[in-house]
Structures are given as structure tokens and as C-alpha cells.
């Protein structure tokens, strides 16, 4: 998610601190979303939708997160191997 949020901020021509102020979150919190150290909550997805005047819907942000997780699951065979030990077959 961080990549897409970073690109969005870059395309706006803004700094993280400026956007954070305009959507009423701390700069630290926005940075955590950008760095993927914190999940993007639905409230912030809605704020981003409102900020973009509906050009990027909250559902679009959610779809990006979903696609990113789908790709990670699909590509991460070692995760499956690691998790086998927790399942009795």
C-alpha cells in the first residue's frame, strides 16, 4: 500500500506533512501508512476519497490493499512451508 500512497502524494506535488495536515492525521501516522508499518484504516481511505473529490474512491484503496495481499500470498511459497507445522493433516 505504501508504494501507491507514496505515488499519490508525489502526484499531488505535496509533502507528507502537508497532506497529513489536510486530512487531519499526524505526519507520523501518515508516514506509518507510507512505510507499511501500520494498516490503512477505512476512515483514512474515506478521507483520501473526499480529498481527491471522489476521483480515487475508498473502495479503490481497499482494492489496492486486497490485490497487494493477494500477490503476496500467491508469491510466498515459504510462508506455506512455515505454516504447515501448525496444521494436522
N, C-alpha and C. Protein backbone atom coordinates (compact mmCIF):
# COMPACT_ATOMS: atom_id res chain seq x y z
N UNK A 1 0.82 -1.19 0.00
CA UNK A 1 0.00 0.00 0.00
C UNK A 1 0.86 1.25 0.00
N UNK A 2 1.98 1.15 0.68
CA UNK A 2 2.86 2.30 0.81
C UNK A 2 3.31 2.87 -0.52
N UNK A 3 3.58 1.98 -1.48
CA UNK A 3 4.02 2.43 -2.80
C UNK A 3 2.95 3.32 -3.44
N UNK A 4 1.70 2.86 -3.41
CA UNK A 4 0.61 3.60 -4.05
C UNK A 4 0.35 4.92 -3.34
N UNK A 5 0.41 4.91 -2.03
CA UNK A 5 0.21 6.13 -1.27
C UNK A 5 1.33 7.12 -1.54
N UNK A 6 2.55 6.63 -1.62
CA UNK A 6 3.70 7.48 -1.94
C UNK A 6 3.53 8.12 -3.31
N UNK A 7 3.11 7.31 -4.29
CA UNK A 7 2.90 7.83 -5.64
C UNK A 7 1.76 8.86 -5.67
N UNK A 8 0.72 8.59 -4.91
CA UNK A 8 -0.40 9.53 -4.84
C UNK A 8 0.09 10.88 -4.30
N UNK A 9 0.85 10.84 -3.23
CA UNK A 9 1.37 12.08 -2.62
C UNK A 9 2.29 12.79 -3.60
N UNK A 10 3.15 12.02 -4.27
CA UNK A 10 4.08 12.61 -5.24
C UNK A 10 3.31 13.27 -6.39
N UNK A 11 2.28 12.59 -6.89
CA UNK A 11 1.49 13.15 -7.99
C UNK A 11 0.72 14.40 -7.60
N UNK A 12 0.40 14.50 -6.32
CA UNK A 12 -0.25 15.71 -5.82
C UNK A 12 0.73 16.87 -5.74
N UNK A 13 2.03 16.55 -5.76
CA UNK A 13 3.05 17.58 -5.59
C UNK A 13 3.12 18.09 -4.16
N UNK A 14 2.78 17.22 -3.23
CA UNK A 14 2.73 17.59 -1.82
C UNK A 14 3.82 16.87 -1.03
N UNK A 15 4.06 17.37 0.14
CA UNK A 15 4.88 16.69 1.13
C UNK A 15 3.94 15.91 2.04
N UNK A 16 4.46 14.84 2.63
CA UNK A 16 3.63 14.04 3.55
C UNK A 16 3.03 14.91 4.65
N UNK A 17 3.84 15.78 5.19
CA UNK A 17 3.39 16.63 6.31
C UNK A 17 2.20 17.50 5.90
N UNK A 18 2.25 18.03 4.69
CA UNK A 18 1.17 18.88 4.19
C UNK A 18 -0.12 18.08 4.00
N UNK A 19 -0.03 16.91 3.36
CA UNK A 19 -1.21 16.08 3.17
C UNK A 19 -1.76 15.62 4.51
N UNK A 20 -0.88 15.24 5.42
CA UNK A 20 -1.32 14.79 6.75
C UNK A 20 -2.17 15.86 7.41
N UNK A 21 -1.72 17.08 7.33
CA UNK A 21 -2.47 18.19 7.93
C UNK A 21 -3.82 18.37 7.25
N UNK A 22 -3.86 18.20 5.94
CA UNK A 22 -5.08 18.44 5.17
C UNK A 22 -6.13 17.32 5.34
N UNK A 23 -5.69 16.13 5.78
CA UNK A 23 -6.66 15.06 6.04
C UNK A 23 -6.76 14.77 7.55
N UNK A 24 -6.16 15.65 8.33
CA UNK A 24 -6.28 15.62 9.79
C UNK A 24 -5.73 14.35 10.44
N UNK A 25 -4.52 13.97 10.05
CA UNK A 25 -3.77 12.93 10.75
C UNK A 25 -2.38 13.49 11.03
N UNK A 26 -1.69 12.90 11.98
CA UNK A 26 -0.34 13.38 12.25
C UNK A 26 0.59 12.96 11.12
N UNK A 27 1.65 13.70 10.95
CA UNK A 27 2.64 13.35 9.92
C UNK A 27 3.24 11.98 10.21
N UNK A 28 3.42 11.68 11.49
CA UNK A 28 3.95 10.37 11.89
C UNK A 28 3.01 9.25 11.47
N UNK A 29 1.72 9.44 11.70
CA UNK A 29 0.73 8.43 11.32
C UNK A 29 0.73 8.20 9.81
N UNK A 30 0.72 9.27 9.03
CA UNK A 30 0.74 9.13 7.57
C UNK A 30 2.00 8.42 7.12
N UNK A 31 3.12 8.76 7.73
CA UNK A 31 4.38 8.10 7.39
C UNK A 31 4.32 6.60 7.68
N UNK A 32 3.64 6.22 8.73
CA UNK A 32 3.49 4.79 9.05
C UNK A 32 2.69 4.07 7.98
N UNK A 33 1.70 4.73 7.40
CA UNK A 33 0.95 4.13 6.30
C UNK A 33 1.84 4.00 5.06
N UNK A 34 2.62 5.03 4.80
CA UNK A 34 3.53 5.03 3.65
C UNK A 34 4.57 3.93 3.79
N UNK A 35 5.06 3.72 4.99
CA UNK A 35 6.11 2.72 5.24
C UNK A 35 5.55 1.31 5.46
N UNK A 36 4.23 1.16 5.37
CA UNK A 36 3.57 -0.13 5.60
C UNK A 36 3.79 -0.68 7.01
N UNK A 37 4.06 0.19 7.96
CA UNK A 37 4.21 -0.28 9.33
C UNK A 37 2.89 -0.16 10.09
N UNK A 38 1.89 0.37 9.41
CA UNK A 38 0.56 0.49 10.00
C UNK A 38 -0.46 0.32 8.87
N UNK A 39 -1.49 -0.45 9.13
CA UNK A 39 -2.53 -0.69 8.12
C UNK A 39 -3.36 0.57 7.91
N UNK A 40 -3.74 0.80 6.67
CA UNK A 40 -4.56 1.96 6.34
C UNK A 40 -6.01 1.68 6.75
N UNK A 41 -6.54 2.41 7.74
CA UNK A 41 -7.91 2.15 8.19
C UNK A 41 -8.95 2.72 7.22
N UNK A 42 -10.14 2.19 7.29
CA UNK A 42 -11.20 2.63 6.38
C UNK A 42 -11.50 4.12 6.52
N UNK A 43 -11.37 4.66 7.71
CA UNK A 43 -11.63 6.10 7.90
C UNK A 43 -10.68 6.94 7.06
N UNK A 44 -9.43 6.52 7.00
CA UNK A 44 -8.44 7.27 6.22
C UNK A 44 -8.68 7.06 4.72
N UNK A 45 -9.13 5.86 4.34
CA UNK A 45 -9.49 5.63 2.93
C UNK A 45 -10.59 6.60 2.52
N UNK A 46 -11.58 6.79 3.39
CA UNK A 46 -12.68 7.72 3.09
C UNK A 46 -12.15 9.15 3.02
N UNK A 47 -11.28 9.52 3.92
CA UNK A 47 -10.70 10.88 3.88
C UNK A 47 -9.94 11.10 2.57
N UNK A 48 -9.20 10.08 2.14
CA UNK A 48 -8.46 10.21 0.87
C UNK A 48 -9.42 10.34 -0.30
N UNK A 49 -10.54 9.61 -0.24
CA UNK A 49 -11.58 9.74 -1.28
C UNK A 49 -12.12 11.17 -1.32
N UNK A 50 -12.47 11.68 -0.14
CA UNK A 50 -13.01 13.03 -0.07
C UNK A 50 -11.98 14.05 -0.52
N UNK A 51 -10.73 13.84 -0.13
CA UNK A 51 -9.65 14.76 -0.51
C UNK A 51 -9.48 14.79 -2.03
N UNK A 52 -9.62 13.63 -2.67
CA UNK A 52 -9.45 13.57 -4.13
C UNK A 52 -10.73 13.97 -4.86
N UNK A 53 -11.72 14.41 -4.10
CA UNK A 53 -13.03 14.79 -4.65
C UNK A 53 -13.66 13.65 -5.44
N UNK A 54 -13.48 12.44 -4.89
CA UNK A 54 -14.11 11.27 -5.47
C UNK A 54 -13.41 10.65 -6.66
N UNK A 55 -12.26 11.17 -7.02
CA UNK A 55 -11.52 10.60 -8.15
C UNK A 55 -10.97 9.22 -7.78
N UNK A 56 -10.44 9.10 -6.57
CA UNK A 56 -9.97 7.80 -6.07
C UNK A 56 -10.89 7.43 -4.90
N UNK A 57 -11.74 6.46 -5.14
CA UNK A 57 -12.72 6.05 -4.13
C UNK A 57 -12.06 5.27 -2.99
N UNK A 58 -12.72 5.28 -1.84
CA UNK A 58 -12.25 4.47 -0.71
C UNK A 58 -12.15 3.01 -1.12
N UNK A 59 -13.12 2.58 -1.92
CA UNK A 59 -13.11 1.19 -2.41
C UNK A 59 -11.89 0.89 -3.27
N UNK A 60 -11.38 1.90 -3.98
CA UNK A 60 -10.17 1.71 -4.79
C UNK A 60 -8.96 1.47 -3.90
N UNK A 61 -8.87 2.22 -2.80
CA UNK A 61 -7.77 2.00 -1.85
C UNK A 61 -7.86 0.59 -1.27
N UNK A 62 -9.08 0.18 -0.92
CA UNK A 62 -9.29 -1.16 -0.37
C UNK A 62 -8.92 -2.23 -1.40
N UNK A 63 -9.30 -2.01 -2.65
CA UNK A 63 -8.96 -2.97 -3.72
C UNK A 63 -7.45 -3.08 -3.90
N UNK A 64 -6.75 -1.96 -3.80
CA UNK A 64 -5.28 -2.00 -3.91
C UNK A 64 -4.67 -2.83 -2.79
N UNK A 65 -5.18 -2.64 -1.58
CA UNK A 65 -4.68 -3.41 -0.44
C UNK A 65 -4.95 -4.89 -0.66
N UNK A 66 -6.14 -5.19 -1.12
CA UNK A 66 -6.53 -6.58 -1.37
C UNK A 66 -5.66 -7.23 -2.44
N UNK A 67 -5.43 -6.51 -3.53
CA UNK A 67 -4.59 -7.03 -4.62
C UNK A 67 -3.15 -7.23 -4.15
N UNK A 68 -2.66 -6.30 -3.34
CA UNK A 68 -1.31 -6.43 -2.81
C UNK A 68 -1.18 -7.68 -1.94
N UNK A 69 -2.17 -7.91 -1.07
CA UNK A 69 -2.14 -9.09 -0.21
C UNK A 69 -2.29 -10.37 -1.03
N UNK A 70 -3.14 -10.34 -2.06
CA UNK A 70 -3.30 -11.49 -2.94
C UNK A 70 -1.96 -11.86 -3.58
N UNK A 71 -1.27 -10.85 -4.09
CA UNK A 71 0.03 -11.09 -4.73
C UNK A 71 1.03 -11.66 -3.73
N UNK A 72 1.06 -11.10 -2.53
CA UNK A 72 1.99 -11.59 -1.50
C UNK A 72 1.70 -13.05 -1.16
N UNK A 73 0.43 -13.40 -1.03
CA UNK A 73 0.08 -14.79 -0.74
C UNK A 73 0.45 -15.72 -1.89
N UNK A 74 0.16 -15.28 -3.08
CA UNK A 74 0.42 -16.10 -4.27
C UNK A 74 1.92 -16.35 -4.47
N UNK A 75 2.71 -15.36 -4.16
CA UNK A 75 4.15 -15.44 -4.43
C UNK A 75 4.98 -15.98 -3.27
N UNK A 76 4.36 -16.19 -2.12
CA UNK A 76 5.12 -16.54 -0.93
C UNK A 76 4.98 -18.02 -0.58
N UNK A 77 5.70 -18.85 -1.28
CA UNK A 77 5.65 -20.30 -1.03
C UNK A 77 6.29 -20.65 0.31
N UNK A 78 7.28 -19.89 0.74
CA UNK A 78 7.93 -20.18 2.02
C UNK A 78 6.96 -19.99 3.19
N UNK A 79 6.01 -19.09 3.06
CA UNK A 79 5.00 -18.91 4.11
C UNK A 79 4.19 -20.19 4.28
N UNK A 80 3.80 -20.79 3.18
CA UNK A 80 3.05 -22.04 3.25
C UNK A 80 3.88 -23.14 3.93
N UNK A 81 5.14 -23.21 3.58
CA UNK A 81 6.02 -24.21 4.18
C UNK A 81 6.15 -23.97 5.68
N UNK A 82 6.31 -22.73 6.08
CA UNK A 82 6.43 -22.39 7.50
C UNK A 82 5.17 -22.74 8.28
N UNK A 83 4.02 -22.53 7.67
CA UNK A 83 2.75 -22.71 8.37
C UNK A 83 2.28 -24.16 8.42
N UNK A 84 2.88 -25.03 7.64
CA UNK A 84 2.50 -26.45 7.63
C UNK A 84 2.64 -27.07 9.01
N UNK A 85 3.60 -26.64 9.77
CA UNK A 85 3.84 -27.24 11.09
C UNK A 85 2.72 -26.97 12.08
N UNK A 86 1.86 -26.01 11.77
CA UNK A 86 0.76 -25.68 12.67
C UNK A 86 -0.55 -26.42 12.33
N UNK A 87 -0.52 -27.22 11.27
CA UNK A 87 -1.74 -27.87 10.81
C UNK A 87 -1.56 -29.38 10.86
N UNK A 88 -2.52 -30.07 11.44
CA UNK A 88 -2.50 -31.52 11.49
C UNK A 88 -3.29 -32.03 10.28
N UNK A 89 -2.62 -32.77 9.45
CA UNK A 89 -3.28 -33.29 8.24
C UNK A 89 -3.44 -34.80 8.36
